[in-house]
Amino acid sequence: MRIDIFCLFPEMFVSPFNQSIIKRAKEQELVDIVIHNIRDHTHDKHHTADDYPYGGGPGMVLKPEPIFEAIEATKQQINPGKVAIILLTPQGRLFSQQIAQELASHSHLMLICGHYEGVDERVHEHLATDEISIGDYVLSGGEPAAMVLVDAIVRLIPGVLGSQTSLNNNSHTGGLLEYPQYTRPQIYRGWPVPSVLLSGNHEEIARWRHQEAISRTAKRRPDLFFEEGKSL
């Protein structure tokens, strides 16, 4: 998979994308992540990527020209064919594990990071093929949102995680929160590990974990029981 990210602050991605799972995925050539500075496609000596909004109002708006030209130049250079162009915006569809799985099936993604008061509407209308929000709150820009998408998507690429079982048991993968996890010591400050986990009876352990996942989801995220008409 190739992921191109178009932003104003490319240095923000240096450390997050050179650690842990994403670093290993890059080293194994399972994913290629390329960061593009939108300012490189401006045409004035100040590299102006934003301007005042027509009609007045606070803040600045990202100009359409450098965004269009950055993406068009990249597409021309690598000839990607069909590619999903995703604008990260609070107006987009709410990101979820299901959307992460959907995006992980693509061979090429392009992510546009908004900033300031947003981007010129013509980017929404004539360039982006999808719009995604990571939550109902305000960020200073789309760069942190892009990091969230990339992390969630890359770990779903076959071969990235060492254990497919680990992937299948993650919270939200099956519509439930993950069951409780324990490790050594067996007793810590008087708090013991549940005896069923020490029994060696894998059928009983699986049953306990499933019941705990249901109980935890009902208590902490009851909304998950009713998503898309689902009931448990």
Protein backbone atom coordinates (compact mmCIF):
# COMPACT_ATOMS: atom_id res chain seq x y z
CA MET A 1 0.00 0.00 0.00
CA ARG A 2 1.06 3.57 -0.69
CA ILE A 3 -0.20 6.49 1.40
CA ASP A 4 0.46 10.09 0.33
CA ILE A 5 -0.20 12.80 2.91
CA PHE A 6 -0.57 16.46 1.88
CA CYS A 7 -0.13 18.96 4.70
CA LEU A 8 1.41 22.23 5.88
CA PHE A 9 3.59 20.73 8.63
CA PRO A 10 5.32 17.58 7.34
CA GLU A 11 7.80 17.53 10.22
CA MET A 12 4.97 16.50 12.55
CA PHE A 13 5.03 13.00 11.02
CA VAL A 14 8.73 12.25 11.43
CA SER A 15 8.69 10.66 14.88
CA PRO A 16 5.24 8.95 14.84
CA PHE A 17 5.96 7.21 11.54
CA ASN A 18 9.40 6.02 12.60
CA GLN A 19 8.29 4.05 15.64
CA SER A 20 6.77 0.68 16.45
CA ILE A 21 4.38 -1.04 14.03
CA ILE A 22 4.45 1.61 11.31
CA LYS A 23 8.26 1.61 11.27
CA ARG A 24 8.33 -2.19 10.90
CA ALA A 25 5.71 -2.08 8.14
CA LYS A 26 7.83 0.44 6.23
CA GLU A 27 11.00 -1.61 6.72
CA GLN A 28 9.20 -4.71 5.41
CA GLU A 29 7.98 -2.66 2.43
CA LEU A 30 4.37 -3.43 3.26
CA VAL A 31 3.53 0.27 3.18
CA ASP A 32 5.11 3.32 1.60
CA ILE A 33 4.20 6.61 3.30
CA VAL A 34 5.13 9.82 1.48
CA ILE A 35 4.65 13.25 3.07
CA HIS A 36 4.12 16.28 0.81
CA ASN A 37 4.36 19.93 1.85
CA ILE A 38 1.48 21.82 0.22
CA ARG A 39 3.59 24.99 0.30
CA ASP A 40 5.94 23.45 -2.27
CA HIS A 41 3.20 23.98 -4.84
CA THR A 42 2.63 27.69 -4.22
CA HIS A 43 3.87 30.30 -6.70
CA ASP A 44 4.81 33.36 -4.65
CA LYS A 45 7.99 34.14 -2.74
CA HIS A 46 6.23 33.79 0.62
CA HIS A 47 4.78 30.34 -0.23
CA THR A 48 1.30 31.48 0.70
CA ALA A 49 -1.07 28.54 1.13
CA ASP A 50 -3.98 30.35 2.82
CA ASP A 51 -6.00 33.54 2.43
CA TYR A 52 -8.89 35.48 3.97
CA PRO A 53 -12.36 34.03 3.42
CA TYR A 54 -14.64 35.68 0.89
CA GLY A 55 -17.60 37.26 2.66
CA GLY A 56 -15.57 38.01 5.76
CA GLY A 57 -15.21 36.11 8.99
CA PRO A 58 -12.43 35.02 11.34
CA GLY A 59 -9.36 33.00 10.44
CA MET A 60 -7.83 31.89 7.18
CA VAL A 61 -8.82 29.33 4.55
CA LEU A 62 -6.47 27.02 2.66
CA LYS A 63 -6.27 28.00 -1.00
CA PRO A 64 -7.34 25.45 -3.63
CA GLU A 65 -4.45 25.90 -6.09
CA PRO A 66 -1.58 24.35 -4.09
CA ILE A 67 -3.75 21.42 -2.95
CA PHE A 68 -4.98 20.59 -6.45
CA GLU A 69 -1.51 21.02 -7.92
CA ALA A 70 0.22 18.95 -5.24
CA ILE A 71 -2.11 16.01 -5.80
CA GLU A 72 -2.09 16.32 -9.58
CA ALA A 73 1.72 16.46 -9.67
CA THR A 74 1.96 13.36 -7.49
CA LYS A 75 -0.55 11.44 -9.58
CA GLN A 76 1.28 12.39 -12.76
CA GLN A 77 4.60 11.29 -11.31
CA ILE A 78 3.50 7.84 -10.16
CA ASN A 79 0.49 7.21 -12.45
CA PRO A 80 -1.52 5.51 -9.67
CA GLY A 81 -4.73 4.83 -11.55
CA LYS A 82 -7.70 4.79 -9.21
CA VAL A 83 -6.90 6.34 -5.84
CA ALA A 84 -9.00 7.37 -2.84
CA ILE A 85 -8.47 11.07 -2.05
CA ILE A 86 -9.57 11.68 1.53
CA LEU A 87 -10.09 15.11 3.04
CA LEU A 88 -9.74 15.11 6.82
CA THR A 89 -12.48 17.42 8.03
CA PRO A 90 -14.93 17.65 10.96
CA GLN A 91 -17.69 17.52 8.34
CA GLY A 92 -16.71 14.04 7.15
CA ARG A 93 -18.13 10.65 8.05
CA LEU A 94 -17.09 9.52 11.52
CA PHE A 95 -14.06 7.23 11.45
CA SER A 96 -14.55 3.72 12.79
CA GLN A 97 -12.92 0.30 12.70
CA GLN A 98 -15.22 -0.62 9.82
CA ILE A 99 -14.01 2.36 7.79
CA ALA A 100 -10.41 1.47 8.64
CA GLN A 101 -11.02 -2.02 7.23
CA GLU A 102 -12.61 -0.50 4.14
CA LEU A 103 -9.64 1.80 3.53
CA ALA A 104 -7.12 -0.96 4.21
CA SER A 105 -8.43 -2.75 1.12
CA HIS A 106 -7.16 0.08 -1.12
CA SER A 107 -3.73 -0.08 -2.71
CA HIS A 108 -3.31 3.71 -2.67
CA LEU A 109 -4.67 6.47 -0.44
CA MET A 110 -4.14 10.22 -0.51
CA LEU A 111 -4.90 12.20 2.66
CA ILE A 112 -5.44 15.97 2.66
CA CYS A 113 -4.86 17.68 6.01
CA GLY A 114 -6.98 20.78 6.50
CA HIS A 115 -5.85 23.64 8.68
CA TYR A 116 -6.95 27.04 10.01
CA GLU A 117 -10.67 27.59 9.26
CA GLY A 118 -10.70 24.79 6.70
CA VAL A 119 -10.13 24.44 2.96
CA ASP A 120 -11.68 26.12 -0.04
CA GLU A 121 -15.01 24.45 -0.83
CA ARG A 122 -13.82 23.55 -4.32
CA VAL A 123 -11.49 20.99 -2.78
CA HIS A 124 -14.54 19.34 -1.20
CA GLU A 125 -16.56 19.48 -4.39
CA HIS A 126 -14.06 18.69 -7.14
CA LEU A 127 -11.02 16.90 -5.67
CA ALA A 128 -11.77 14.81 -2.59
CA THR A 129 -13.48 11.47 -3.17
CA ASP A 130 -14.19 10.97 0.54
CA GLU A 131 -14.28 13.04 3.73
CA ILE A 132 -13.50 11.65 7.18
CA SER A 133 -13.63 13.02 10.73
CA ILE A 134 -11.99 11.26 13.68
CA GLY A 135 -14.42 12.72 16.23
CA ASP A 136 -16.69 15.52 17.30
CA TYR A 137 -14.05 17.86 18.63
CA VAL A 138 -11.76 20.55 17.25
CA LEU A 139 -8.11 20.02 16.28
CA SER A 140 -5.65 22.66 15.13
CA GLY A 141 -5.19 20.79 11.87
CA GLY A 142 -5.62 17.54 10.01
CA GLU A 143 -2.14 16.22 10.74
CA PRO A 144 -3.06 14.42 14.01
CA ALA A 145 -6.14 13.00 12.30
CA ALA A 146 -3.99 11.66 9.47
CA MET A 147 -1.75 9.93 12.03
CA VAL A 148 -4.81 8.23 13.54
CA LEU A 149 -6.01 6.99 10.15
CA VAL A 150 -2.61 5.72 9.12
CA ASP A 151 -2.06 3.87 12.40
CA ALA A 152 -5.49 2.22 12.27
CA ILE A 153 -5.16 1.27 8.59
CA VAL A 154 -1.55 0.06 8.47
CA ARG A 155 -2.03 -2.48 11.25
CA LEU A 156 -4.77 -4.11 9.12
CA ILE A 157 -2.45 -4.72 6.15
CA PRO A 158 -1.73 -8.47 5.92
CA GLY A 159 1.67 -9.28 7.38
CA VAL A 160 2.04 -6.13 9.47
CA LEU A 161 1.01 -7.68 12.78
CA GLY A 162 2.74 -10.81 13.92
CA SER A 163 -0.52 -12.45 15.00
CA GLN A 164 -3.78 -12.44 13.07
CA THR A 165 -5.47 -13.67 16.26
CA SER A 166 -4.36 -10.50 18.04
CA LEU A 167 -5.94 -8.44 15.28
CA ASN A 168 -9.22 -10.34 15.44
CA ASN A 169 -9.48 -9.89 19.20
CA ASN A 170 -9.00 -6.11 19.24
CA SER A 171 -11.75 -3.85 20.56
CA HIS A 172 -14.35 -2.91 17.90
CA THR A 173 -13.17 -5.54 15.42
CA GLY A 174 -16.16 -7.76 16.17
CA GLY A 175 -18.44 -5.00 17.38
CA LEU A 176 -17.47 -5.49 21.05
CA LEU A 177 -14.88 -4.03 23.36
CA GLU A 178 -11.98 -6.33 24.15
CA TYR A 179 -12.18 -8.65 27.15
CA PRO A 180 -9.95 -7.98 30.22
CA GLN A 181 -6.28 -8.95 29.91
CA TYR A 182 -3.94 -10.13 32.68
CA THR A 183 -0.26 -11.07 32.97
CA ARG A 184 2.22 -11.90 35.74
CA PRO A 185 2.28 -11.68 38.71
CA GLN A 186 -0.64 -13.98 39.44
CA ILE A 187 -1.51 -11.95 42.55
CA TYR A 188 -0.67 -8.25 42.85
CA ARG A 189 -1.51 -6.29 46.03
CA GLY A 190 -4.08 -8.92 46.86
CA TRP A 191 -5.79 -8.73 43.47
CA PRO A 192 -5.73 -12.18 41.81
CA VAL A 193 -5.97 -13.15 38.17
CA PRO A 194 -9.38 -14.80 37.50
CA SER A 195 -9.00 -18.53 38.14
CA VAL A 196 -10.54 -19.50 34.78
CA LEU A 197 -7.51 -18.03 32.99
CA LEU A 198 -5.25 -20.40 34.95
CA SER A 199 -7.37 -23.47 34.29
CA GLY A 200 -5.89 -24.47 30.93
CA ASN A 201 -9.44 -25.14 29.69
CA HIS A 202 -9.44 -23.19 26.42
CA GLU A 203 -13.15 -23.66 25.83
CA GLU A 204 -13.98 -22.21 29.25
CA ILE A 205 -11.50 -19.37 28.74
CA ALA A 206 -13.05 -18.49 25.37
CA ARG A 207 -16.53 -18.52 26.90
CA TRP A 208 -15.40 -16.31 29.80
CA ARG A 209 -13.72 -13.85 27.48
CA HIS A 210 -16.79 -13.57 25.26
CA GLN A 211 -19.08 -12.98 28.24
CA GLU A 212 -16.69 -10.39 29.66
CA ALA A 213 -16.55 -8.60 26.29
CA ILE A 214 -20.35 -8.44 26.17
CA SER A 215 -20.58 -7.26 29.78
CA ARG A 216 -17.89 -4.61 29.31
CA THR A 217 -19.48 -3.32 26.10
CA ALA A 218 -22.93 -3.13 27.69
CA LYS A 219 -21.53 -1.19 30.64
CA ARG A 220 -19.08 1.15 28.91
CA ARG A 221 -20.40 1.50 25.36
CA PRO A 222 -24.09 0.49 25.22
CA ASP A 223 -24.39 2.46 22.00
CA LEU A 224 -22.39 -0.27 20.22
CA PHE A 225 -25.24 -2.73 20.75
CA PHE A 226 -27.53 -0.67 18.58
CA GLU A 227 -25.26 0.43 15.77
CA GLU A 228 -26.76 -0.35 12.36
CA GLY A 229 -29.62 -2.23 13.98
CA LYS A 230 -27.28 -4.75 15.62
CA SER A 231 -28.31 -6.47 18.82
CA LEU A 232 -26.45 -8.94 20.99
